[in-house]
Amino acid sequence: MTDRVAISLCVAGALMIMGVANSASALTALSFHTEKPLCGSDMSAKDAVIMTDRILHTPMSKASQAQASNCVVMAAIGGAASAQAMLGAHYAQSGYFRANMPSSPLMPQDVEAALYWLRSAAVAGNAEAEYQLGRLYEYGLGVDQDDAIAAQYYEKAKKGHVYDAGRAVLRIQSRGKATARFMAAWQDKANAGDTSAMLKIASAYISGDPVIQSFTEAAAWLQKAADAGDSTAQSRLARLYLDGAGVAKDKNQAVDLFLKASLGSDHTGDLWLIGLYKDPDVKSDRKAAIVKRAAMAGGQPFTDAVTVPDEKPDMAEVERLAQKEDKDAEYTMGIMYLGVFKDPEDLQKAQTWLQRAASHGSTDAEINLGDMAYTGKGSAQDYTAALSWYEKAGIKGDGMGLYNAAIMYRDGLGVASDPIKAYTYGQRMQLRGDGRAQTLLQGLRPKINVIDRARSFGEACRMYFAWFAA
C-alpha cells in the first residue's frame, strides 16, 4: 500500500473539520467497531499508516472514531508525505471557497507550520502539497506573491494528476491578456454606476481569476455596490466582514449589512443572522434589530430561531422543577441566588444549586462555579478549583470553558504554566469557530515548535470528535 493511498484512508475526520468532505460520509468512514485507542502519541509512523487502512474498510464505534484524527498527525510526524500534505493544507487554509466567497480566514493561520509540512511533502514528490504551495505563492498567502514560483509548483502538481493544477497553469499564463480584456469590458460600466459590473469585478478579485486575488480590492468594489443599494453586494460584503478578508473583522458591521440585504431582495444572510443573534460579540442594539426584522419577515427561515425573550420565569414553578432535578431549573435557582445575594447564606444557596445543576450536566453551571472559585465569591479564591470547573465545561465543547482554561494554562494560574496545553485548548476553540482563538494562538505560537503544534492539533481533533460522538 503506497504512502499516498494509506493516508488518503486516514483523513476523513480531518477533512470533516476542514470542510472539504461531506460530513455524513466522513462519519460513515470513521464509524468503528473496536474500542481500542487509535494512533496514540507512542505509535510509530509505520503503525499509524497501517491503522489508517482500517478507517474506510472496517466499521468502528464512535469511541474509537474520537481518536482517529491523530492518525494524520502521527503519520506526518513519522514522515508520511500525504499526511504532511494534509496537515500543511490545514495550516494553510488556502483554496477553499464556497460560492465565490471565503469559507475560512484567507491568510494562513500558521505560515511557518504550513510551509514546513507542505515543503516536507513536496520534497517527497507529493502532488497535493505542490499544488497547495502553488496557491500560496500565486495569491501571496503568507509568502511574497510570485507567479513564477507558483507556476513551477503547479507544473509539478499537474504531472502528479492534480485536477486543478492544469487550469492554474493556464490561468497564470493568460493572466496579463485576460486582465486587460476584463478591465476594458467592465471598468467603464462600473465607474458609471453599474452595480452588476461592480459585482463582476469584486467576484474576480475574490476568486483570483483572471486578476490577482485581492480581498481589499473586492471589498472596495462591494462597498461601492452596497452603497448604491445592491442587496447581493451587501450580503457578500457582510461575509467579508465576518471573515476579516480585505476589511477588519466586524460582526456588528456584518449584521448591519445582512439586515440591509434582507430588507432588499437578498436573503442568503438570513441563516447567518440566526448565529449572529446568539453571538456574544454582537451588540444588544443589533440583536434588537434582528428581532425586529424577524417579526417583519413572516415566512423567512430565521423567524423560528429568533424570538423575543420570555418574561421573567415563575420562580415557584422553577423551584418545583429544580426539586425534580431539572438541570436548567437548578441553574436558574443558582443564578437567582447569585444575582440577588444579600448575605453569605445566599451565596451558599447559589453554590449548592449550581453544583446540583453541574452534576446533571449543565456547562453554564460549571462556568459560574469556575467564576466563583476564580474570584473568591462565596469561598476563598481557588484557581485550581476554577480550572477544574472550566475544564469540565470545555471538555463538553463550551467555548468559555475552553478559553478560560487556556488562559489559566498559559499564565500558570492554579497549575504550572503549560503553553502546549493552552495551545491545544485554543485549537479546540478554533474547531468550533470561536473568534477568540486566533489571537490566543498567535500569542502562544512562538513558544511552541512545529512538531508540538502538530501534536496539539491532533489532540484538539481527538477532543472534538470525542465531544461530537458523546
Protein backbone atom coordinates (compact mmCIF):
# COMPACT_ATOMS: atom_id res chain seq x y z
CA MET A 1 0.00 0.00 0.00
CA THR A 2 1.53 3.33 -1.07
CA ASP A 3 2.00 6.23 1.29
CA ARG A 4 -0.48 8.34 -0.74
CA VAL A 5 -3.20 5.67 -0.63
CA ALA A 6 -2.62 4.88 3.02
CA ILE A 7 -3.03 8.41 4.25
CA SER A 8 -5.98 9.08 1.97
CA LEU A 9 -7.73 6.47 4.09
CA CYS A 10 -6.77 8.31 7.24
CA VAL A 11 -8.03 11.81 6.63
CA ALA A 12 -11.83 11.59 6.67
CA GLY A 13 -12.01 13.02 10.20
CA ALA A 14 -9.59 15.85 9.48
CA LEU A 15 -11.36 16.59 6.20
CA MET A 16 -14.66 16.99 8.02
CA ILE A 17 -13.06 19.57 10.30
CA MET A 18 -11.61 21.43 7.34
CA GLY A 19 -14.90 21.42 5.47
CA VAL A 20 -13.60 19.68 2.35
CA ALA A 21 -15.51 16.42 2.70
CA ASN A 22 -19.14 15.60 3.19
CA SER A 23 -19.66 15.32 6.95
CA ALA A 24 -22.05 12.38 6.67
CA SER A 25 -19.66 10.34 4.54
CA ALA A 26 -16.79 11.27 6.83
CA LEU A 27 -18.72 9.97 9.82
CA THR A 28 -19.61 6.80 7.94
CA ALA A 29 -15.97 6.31 7.02
CA LEU A 30 -14.95 6.77 10.65
CA SER A 31 -17.56 4.50 12.19
CA PHE A 32 -15.64 1.72 14.02
CA HIS A 33 -16.37 -1.50 15.98
CA THR A 34 -13.23 -1.76 18.07
CA GLU A 35 -12.85 0.18 21.31
CA LYS A 36 -9.03 0.14 21.23
CA PRO A 37 -7.28 3.56 21.17
CA LEU A 38 -6.14 4.73 17.74
CA CYS A 39 -2.88 6.43 16.79
CA GLY A 40 -1.72 7.32 20.30
CA SER A 41 1.31 9.51 20.90
CA ASP A 42 3.54 6.45 21.29
CA MET A 43 2.53 4.88 17.96
CA SER A 44 5.16 4.62 15.24
CA ALA A 45 4.58 6.19 11.82
CA LYS A 46 4.51 2.72 10.25
CA ASP A 47 1.82 1.57 12.66
CA ALA A 48 -0.12 4.79 12.09
CA VAL A 49 -0.14 4.11 8.35
CA ILE A 50 -1.27 0.52 8.93
CA MET A 51 -4.03 1.74 11.23
CA THR A 52 -5.33 4.11 8.56
CA ASP A 53 -6.06 1.16 6.27
CA ARG A 54 -8.87 0.19 8.62
CA ILE A 55 -10.62 3.54 8.69
CA LEU A 56 -12.53 3.21 5.44
CA HIS A 57 -12.65 -0.58 5.42
CA THR A 58 -13.72 -1.59 8.92
CA PRO A 59 -16.84 -0.39 10.75
CA MET A 60 -15.84 1.11 14.11
CA SER A 61 -17.61 2.67 17.06
CA LYS A 62 -17.75 6.37 17.86
CA ALA A 63 -15.50 5.79 20.86
CA SER A 64 -12.67 4.84 18.51
CA GLN A 65 -13.72 7.43 15.96
CA ALA A 66 -12.96 10.08 18.57
CA GLN A 67 -9.25 9.26 18.35
CA ALA A 68 -8.96 8.66 14.61
CA SER A 69 -7.72 12.15 13.68
CA ASN A 70 -4.44 11.54 15.49
CA CYS A 71 -3.54 9.20 12.62
CA VAL A 72 -2.84 12.13 10.32
CA VAL A 73 -0.62 13.88 12.84
CA MET A 74 1.33 10.81 13.90
CA ALA A 75 1.89 9.67 10.31
CA ALA A 76 3.01 13.19 9.31
CA ILE A 77 5.49 13.39 12.18
CA GLY A 78 6.76 9.97 11.16
CA GLY A 79 7.48 11.15 7.62
CA ALA A 80 4.38 10.11 5.62
CA ALA A 81 4.22 12.65 2.80
CA SER A 82 0.47 12.52 2.19
CA ALA A 83 -0.22 13.15 5.86
CA GLN A 84 2.26 16.03 5.80
CA ALA A 85 0.40 17.48 2.81
CA MET A 86 -2.93 17.23 4.60
CA LEU A 87 -1.52 18.82 7.76
CA GLY A 88 0.09 21.59 5.71
CA ALA A 89 -3.19 22.27 3.91
CA HIS A 90 -4.92 22.57 7.29
CA TYR A 91 -2.44 25.18 8.45
CA ALA A 92 -2.51 26.99 5.10
CA GLN A 93 -6.32 27.02 4.82
CA SER A 94 -5.83 28.08 1.21
CA GLY A 95 -8.07 27.44 -1.74
CA TYR A 96 -11.32 26.53 -0.02
CA PHE A 97 -14.12 28.76 -1.27
CA ARG A 98 -17.86 28.41 -1.23
CA ALA A 99 -19.93 30.20 -3.89
CA ASN A 100 -17.07 32.58 -4.66
CA MET A 101 -16.93 33.67 -1.05
CA PRO A 102 -14.28 32.83 1.57
CA SER A 103 -15.28 29.98 3.85
CA SER A 104 -12.36 30.45 6.28
CA PRO A 105 -9.75 33.10 7.14
CA LEU A 106 -7.79 33.65 3.93
CA MET A 107 -4.36 34.29 5.35
CA PRO A 108 -2.74 31.07 6.59
CA GLN A 109 -3.44 30.58 10.25
CA ASP A 110 0.14 29.36 10.74
CA VAL A 111 2.52 30.25 7.89
CA GLU A 112 5.56 28.58 9.45
CA ALA A 113 3.78 25.27 10.00
CA ALA A 114 2.05 25.36 6.60
CA LEU A 115 5.34 25.85 4.75
CA TYR A 116 7.16 23.29 6.90
CA TRP A 117 4.70 20.47 6.25
CA LEU A 118 3.92 21.32 2.63
CA ARG A 119 7.59 21.63 1.70
CA SER A 120 8.38 18.39 3.53
CA ALA A 121 5.71 16.62 1.48
CA ALA A 122 6.71 18.35 -1.76
CA VAL A 123 10.33 17.21 -1.39
CA ALA A 124 8.96 13.67 -1.30
CA GLY A 125 7.07 14.37 -4.54
CA ASN A 126 3.57 14.78 -3.12
CA ALA A 127 1.50 16.48 -5.82
CA GLU A 128 -1.18 17.80 -3.46
CA ALA A 129 1.46 19.62 -1.43
CA GLU A 130 2.94 21.07 -4.62
CA TYR A 131 -0.47 22.36 -5.62
CA GLN A 132 -1.07 23.95 -2.21
CA LEU A 133 2.33 25.64 -2.33
CA GLY A 134 1.44 26.94 -5.77
CA ARG A 135 -1.69 28.55 -4.35
CA LEU A 136 0.25 30.17 -1.52
CA TYR A 137 2.67 31.76 -3.97
CA GLU A 138 0.05 32.65 -6.59
CA TYR A 139 -2.07 34.58 -4.11
CA GLY A 140 0.69 35.75 -1.77
CA LEU A 141 -0.82 33.97 1.24
CA GLY A 142 1.83 34.28 3.93
CA VAL A 143 4.63 34.50 1.34
CA ASP A 144 5.67 37.08 -1.25
CA GLN A 145 3.39 36.80 -4.30
CA ASP A 146 5.33 35.17 -7.13
CA ASP A 147 3.63 33.79 -10.26
CA ALA A 148 6.88 32.20 -11.48
CA ILE A 149 7.31 30.07 -8.35
CA ALA A 150 3.58 29.31 -8.31
CA ALA A 151 3.73 28.10 -11.92
CA GLN A 152 6.68 25.80 -11.11
CA TYR A 153 4.73 24.15 -8.30
CA TYR A 154 1.58 23.89 -10.44
CA GLU A 155 3.55 22.23 -13.26
CA LYS A 156 4.82 19.61 -10.82
CA ALA A 157 1.34 19.08 -9.41
CA LYS A 158 -0.02 18.75 -12.95
CA LYS A 159 2.38 15.88 -13.60
CA GLY A 160 1.01 14.30 -10.41
CA HIS A 161 -2.51 14.49 -11.87
CA VAL A 162 -3.93 17.10 -9.50
CA TYR A 163 -7.19 18.08 -11.17
CA ASP A 164 -6.99 21.89 -10.90
CA ALA A 165 -3.24 22.25 -11.48
CA GLY A 166 -3.52 22.43 -15.29
CA ARG A 167 -6.14 25.15 -15.07
CA ALA A 168 -3.95 27.06 -12.63
CA VAL A 169 -1.02 26.98 -15.08
CA LEU A 170 -3.23 28.34 -17.88
CA ARG A 171 -4.64 30.98 -15.54
CA ILE A 172 -1.18 32.33 -14.77
CA GLN A 173 -0.04 32.19 -18.41
CA SER A 174 -3.08 34.09 -19.68
CA ARG A 175 -3.49 36.50 -16.78
CA GLY A 176 -1.98 39.57 -18.45
CA LYS A 177 -4.10 39.45 -21.61
CA ALA A 178 -7.23 38.34 -19.76
CA THR A 179 -6.85 41.12 -17.22
CA ALA A 180 -6.66 43.76 -19.94
CA ARG A 181 -9.76 42.41 -21.69
CA PHE A 182 -11.62 42.08 -18.43
CA MET A 183 -10.89 45.59 -17.21
CA ALA A 184 -11.65 47.15 -20.58
CA ALA A 185 -15.05 45.44 -20.64
CA TRP A 186 -16.23 46.27 -17.12
CA GLN A 187 -14.26 49.16 -15.63
CA ASP A 188 -16.11 51.92 -17.50
CA LYS A 189 -19.50 50.37 -16.68
CA ALA A 190 -18.62 50.09 -13.00
CA ASN A 191 -17.34 53.66 -12.83
CA ALA A 192 -20.61 54.79 -14.41
CA GLY A 193 -22.54 53.20 -11.53
CA ASP A 194 -23.44 49.79 -12.96
CA THR A 195 -23.63 47.62 -9.83
CA SER A 196 -23.64 44.37 -11.82
CA ALA A 197 -20.26 45.36 -13.25
CA MET A 198 -19.01 46.16 -9.75
CA LEU A 199 -20.09 42.68 -8.63
CA LYS A 200 -18.28 41.03 -11.53
CA ILE A 201 -15.06 42.90 -10.70
CA ALA A 202 -15.40 42.03 -7.00
CA SER A 203 -16.01 38.34 -7.81
CA ALA A 204 -12.87 38.29 -9.98
CA TYR A 205 -10.77 39.71 -7.15
CA ILE A 206 -12.24 37.19 -4.70
CA SER A 207 -11.64 34.16 -6.93
CA GLY A 208 -8.28 35.38 -8.26
CA ASP A 209 -9.36 34.75 -11.85
CA PRO A 210 -8.39 36.44 -14.13
CA VAL A 211 -6.83 39.09 -11.88
CA ILE A 212 -4.53 38.52 -8.93
CA GLN A 213 -6.62 37.78 -5.86
CA SER A 214 -7.16 40.81 -3.63
CA PHE A 215 -9.83 40.91 -0.96
CA THR A 216 -9.06 44.56 -0.31
CA GLU A 217 -9.99 45.41 -3.91
CA ALA A 218 -13.02 43.10 -3.72
CA ALA A 219 -14.24 44.79 -0.55
CA ALA A 220 -13.84 48.24 -2.11
CA TRP A 221 -15.97 47.33 -5.14
CA LEU A 222 -18.57 45.56 -3.00
CA GLN A 223 -18.75 48.64 -0.77
CA LYS A 224 -19.49 50.83 -3.81
CA ALA A 225 -22.25 48.49 -4.96
CA ALA A 226 -23.62 48.15 -1.40
CA ASP A 227 -23.72 51.94 -1.01
CA ALA A 228 -25.71 52.04 -4.25
CA GLY A 229 -28.28 49.75 -2.64
CA ASP A 230 -27.36 46.43 -4.25
CA SER A 231 -28.60 43.67 -1.90
CA THR A 232 -26.27 41.00 -3.28
CA ALA A 233 -23.26 43.24 -2.69
CA GLN A 234 -24.43 43.97 0.86
CA SER A 235 -24.68 40.25 1.63
CA ARG A 236 -21.30 39.41 0.11
CA LEU A 237 -19.62 42.32 1.87
CA ALA A 238 -21.10 41.09 5.14
CA ARG A 239 -19.32 37.76 4.58
CA LEU A 240 -16.02 39.58 4.16
CA TYR A 241 -16.60 41.39 7.46
CA LEU A 242 -17.32 38.04 9.14
CA ASP A 243 -14.05 36.58 7.85
CA GLY A 244 -11.94 39.72 8.14
CA ALA A 245 -10.98 39.35 4.46
CA GLY A 246 -9.99 42.69 2.93
CA VAL A 247 -11.60 44.55 5.84
CA ALA A 248 -11.25 44.50 9.61
CA LYS A 249 -13.28 41.66 11.12
CA ASP A 250 -16.51 43.16 12.47
CA LYS A 251 -19.56 41.02 13.30
CA ASN A 252 -21.71 44.05 14.09
CA GLN A 253 -20.99 45.57 10.69
CA ALA A 254 -21.84 42.19 9.16
CA VAL A 255 -25.21 42.24 10.95
CA ASP A 256 -25.96 45.72 9.58
CA LEU A 257 -25.20 44.59 6.03
CA PHE A 258 -27.11 41.32 6.27
CA LEU A 259 -30.13 43.23 7.58
CA LYS A 260 -29.97 45.70 4.68
CA ALA A 261 -29.69 42.82 2.22
CA SER A 262 -32.60 41.00 3.86
CA LEU A 263 -34.80 44.08 3.62
CA GLY A 264 -33.94 44.15 -0.07
CA SER A 265 -34.01 41.14 -2.34
CA ASP A 266 -31.15 39.01 -0.98
CA HIS A 267 -32.00 36.61 1.86
CA THR A 268 -28.83 34.49 1.78
CA GLY A 269 -27.72 36.11 5.03
CA ASP A 270 -30.88 35.24 6.97
CA LEU A 271 -29.41 31.99 8.29
CA TRP A 272 -26.23 33.84 9.27
CA LEU A 273 -28.37 36.19 11.33
CA ILE A 274 -29.54 33.25 13.45
CA GLY A 275 -26.00 32.54 14.57
CA LEU A 276 -25.10 36.21 14.95
CA TYR A 277 -28.19 36.76 17.13
CA LYS A 278 -26.75 34.23 19.57
CA ASP A 279 -23.16 35.51 19.29
CA PRO A 280 -21.82 37.22 22.45
CA ASP A 281 -19.74 39.63 20.33
CA VAL A 282 -22.85 41.11 18.70
CA LYS A 283 -24.14 44.20 20.48
CA SER A 284 -27.61 44.33 22.02
CA ASP A 285 -28.90 47.01 19.61
CA ARG A 286 -28.00 44.76 16.65
CA LYS A 287 -29.75 41.82 18.30
CA ALA A 288 -32.84 44.01 18.78
CA ALA A 289 -32.70 44.88 15.08
CA ILE A 290 -32.56 41.16 14.22
CA VAL A 291 -35.63 40.52 16.42
CA LYS A 292 -37.44 43.37 14.69
CA ARG A 293 -36.52 42.00 11.27
CA ALA A 294 -37.67 38.53 12.32
CA ALA A 295 -41.04 39.93 13.34
CA MET A 296 -41.40 41.53 9.89
CA ALA A 297 -40.19 38.52 7.96
CA GLY A 298 -43.24 36.30 8.04
CA GLY A 299 -42.07 33.05 6.47
CA GLN A 300 -38.35 33.81 6.36
CA PRO A 301 -36.17 30.97 7.66
CA PHE A 302 -34.85 32.71 10.76
CA THR A 303 -38.22 33.59 12.29
CA ASP A 304 -38.44 30.30 14.14
CA ALA A 305 -34.95 30.65 15.63
CA VAL A 306 -35.07 34.32 16.67
CA THR A 307 -37.73 35.11 19.24
CA VAL A 308 -38.43 37.91 21.67
CA PRO A 309 -37.16 36.90 25.15
CA ASP A 310 -39.77 35.50 27.50
CA GLU A 311 -40.99 37.34 30.56
CA LYS A 312 -39.36 36.63 33.92
CA PRO A 313 -39.90 32.98 34.86
CA ASP A 314 -42.36 31.86 37.54
CA MET A 315 -39.86 31.12 40.35
CA ALA A 316 -42.29 28.87 42.20
CA GLU A 317 -42.54 26.69 39.10
CA VAL A 318 -38.78 26.85 38.59
CA GLU A 319 -38.15 25.67 42.15
CA ARG A 320 -40.66 22.85 41.72
CA LEU A 321 -38.80 21.66 38.62
CA ALA A 322 -35.44 22.12 40.34
CA GLN A 323 -36.53 19.83 43.17
CA LYS A 324 -37.17 17.21 40.48
CA GLU A 325 -33.52 17.52 39.32
CA ASP A 326 -34.21 19.55 36.18
CA LYS A 327 -30.74 20.93 35.42
CA ASP A 328 -32.00 24.12 33.75
CA ALA A 329 -34.23 24.89 36.70
CA GLU A 330 -31.40 24.13 39.13
CA TYR A 331 -29.17 26.51 37.19
CA THR A 332 -31.83 29.23 37.23
CA MET A 333 -32.17 28.87 41.00
CA GLY A 334 -28.43 29.19 41.40
CA ILE A 335 -28.24 32.30 39.22
CA MET A 336 -31.15 33.86 41.13
CA TYR A 337 -29.36 33.49 44.46
CA LEU A 338 -26.07 34.56 42.89
CA GLY A 339 -27.60 37.70 41.42
CA VAL A 340 -29.57 38.95 44.40
CA PHE A 341 -27.42 37.77 47.31
CA LYS A 342 -27.64 39.88 50.43
CA ASP A 343 -25.67 37.71 52.82
CA PRO A 344 -23.28 34.71 52.73
CA GLU A 345 -26.22 32.32 53.06
CA ASP A 346 -27.47 33.39 49.61
CA LEU A 347 -24.06 32.62 48.08
CA GLN A 348 -24.06 29.21 49.73
CA LYS A 349 -27.51 28.51 48.27
CA ALA A 350 -26.31 29.69 44.86
CA GLN A 351 -23.33 27.39 45.06
CA THR A 352 -25.47 24.43 46.14
CA TRP A 353 -27.94 24.86 43.27
CA LEU A 354 -25.16 25.39 40.73
CA GLN A 355 -23.35 22.29 41.94
CA ARG A 356 -26.56 20.29 41.56
CA ALA A 357 -27.03 21.64 38.05
CA ALA A 358 -23.39 20.85 37.21
CA SER A 359 -23.80 17.31 38.49
CA HIS A 360 -26.63 16.90 35.98
CA GLY A 361 -24.52 18.17 33.09
CA SER A 362 -25.06 21.95 32.95
CA THR A 363 -21.99 23.60 31.43
CA ASP A 364 -23.37 27.05 32.31
CA ALA A 365 -23.37 25.99 35.96
CA GLU A 366 -19.79 24.75 35.65
CA ILE A 367 -18.69 28.08 34.20
CA ASN A 368 -20.37 30.02 37.01
CA LEU A 369 -18.82 27.75 39.64
CA GLY A 370 -15.47 28.32 37.99
CA ASP A 371 -16.03 32.08 38.12
CA MET A 372 -16.95 31.89 41.81
CA ALA A 373 -13.80 29.95 42.61
CA TYR A 374 -11.66 32.26 40.46
CA THR A 375 -12.92 35.44 42.12
CA GLY A 376 -13.35 34.01 45.61
CA LYS A 377 -17.08 34.68 45.69
CA GLY A 378 -18.72 32.52 48.34
CA SER A 379 -15.43 30.94 49.48
CA ALA A 380 -11.68 31.51 49.41
CA GLN A 381 -10.18 32.16 45.97
CA ASP A 382 -9.12 28.84 44.47
CA TYR A 383 -7.53 28.87 41.00
CA THR A 384 -7.14 25.08 40.98
CA ALA A 385 -10.85 24.56 41.58
CA ALA A 386 -11.69 27.23 38.99
CA LEU A 387 -9.54 25.49 36.38
CA SER A 388 -11.19 22.17 37.17
CA TRP A 389 -14.67 23.63 36.57
CA TYR A 390 -13.60 25.37 33.36
CA GLU A 391 -12.04 22.19 32.00
CA LYS A 392 -15.17 20.18 32.77
CA ALA A 393 -17.19 22.63 30.68
CA GLY A 394 -14.51 22.81 27.99
CA ILE A 395 -14.42 19.06 27.51
CA LYS A 396 -18.13 19.28 26.69
CA GLY A 397 -17.32 21.85 23.99
CA ASP A 398 -18.17 25.03 25.91
CA GLY A 399 -16.27 27.97 24.39
CA MET A 400 -15.93 29.97 27.61
CA GLY A 401 -14.66 26.91 29.47
CA LEU A 402 -12.04 26.25 26.79
CA TYR A 403 -10.97 29.89 26.69
CA ASN A 404 -10.69 30.33 30.45
CA ALA A 405 -8.80 27.05 30.82
CA ALA A 406 -6.42 28.06 28.01
CA ILE A 407 -5.68 31.39 29.71
CA MET A 408 -5.00 29.69 33.04
CA TYR A 409 -2.61 27.17 31.47
CA ARG A 410 -0.91 29.98 29.57
CA ASP A 411 -0.45 32.14 32.66
CA GLY A 412 0.17 29.34 35.17
CA LEU A 413 -2.87 30.07 37.36
CA GLY A 414 -3.73 27.10 39.57
CA VAL A 415 -1.34 24.94 37.57
CA ALA A 416 2.21 25.05 36.22
CA SER A 417 2.40 27.11 33.03
CA ASP A 418 1.82 24.82 30.04
CA PRO A 419 1.78 26.63 26.65
CA ILE A 420 1.16 23.39 24.74
CA LYS A 421 -1.95 22.59 26.80
CA ALA A 422 -3.15 26.16 26.32
CA TYR A 423 -2.49 25.85 22.58
CA THR A 424 -4.48 22.61 22.43
CA TYR A 425 -7.49 24.25 24.03
CA GLY A 426 -7.07 27.21 21.67
CA GLN A 427 -7.15 24.89 18.66
CA ARG A 428 -10.19 23.12 20.09
CA MET A 429 -11.84 26.57 20.25
CA GLN A 430 -10.87 27.17 16.63
CA LEU A 431 -12.52 23.92 15.55
CA ARG A 432 -15.82 25.18 17.00
CA GLY A 433 -15.44 28.51 15.16
CA ASP A 434 -14.61 30.65 18.20
CA GLY A 435 -13.23 34.00 17.05
CA ARG A 436 -11.15 34.45 20.23
CA ALA A 437 -8.94 31.50 19.30
CA GLN A 438 -6.93 33.29 16.63
CA THR A 439 -5.46 35.95 18.95
CA LEU A 440 -4.79 33.36 21.66
CA LEU A 441 -2.97 31.04 19.24
CA GLN A 442 -0.94 33.84 17.72
CA GLY A 443 0.43 34.75 21.14
CA LEU A 444 1.31 31.14 22.01
CA ARG A 445 2.74 30.06 18.62
CA PRO A 446 6.29 31.45 19.08
CA LYS A 447 6.65 29.38 22.28
CA ILE A 448 5.85 26.03 20.60
CA ASN A 449 7.77 24.25 17.85
CA VAL A 450 6.12 22.99 14.67
CA ILE A 451 6.07 19.34 15.75
CA ASP A 452 4.43 20.08 19.10
CA ARG A 453 1.89 22.32 17.37
CA ALA A 454 1.00 19.35 15.16
CA ARG A 455 0.64 17.04 18.16
CA SER A 456 -1.53 19.69 19.78
CA PHE A 457 -3.74 19.79 16.70
CA GLY A 458 -4.13 16.02 16.80
CA GLU A 459 -5.23 16.18 20.42
CA ALA A 460 -7.67 19.00 19.65
CA CYS A 461 -9.16 16.85 16.88
CA ARG A 462 -9.48 13.94 19.28
CA MET A 463 -11.26 16.18 21.79
CA TYR A 464 -13.56 17.48 19.08
CA PHE A 465 -14.63 14.06 17.88
CA ALA A 466 -14.96 12.77 21.44
CA TRP A 467 -17.38 15.60 22.15
CA PHE A 468 -19.14 15.14 18.79
CA ALA A 469 -19.64 11.42 19.41
CA ALA A 470 -20.77 11.80 23.04
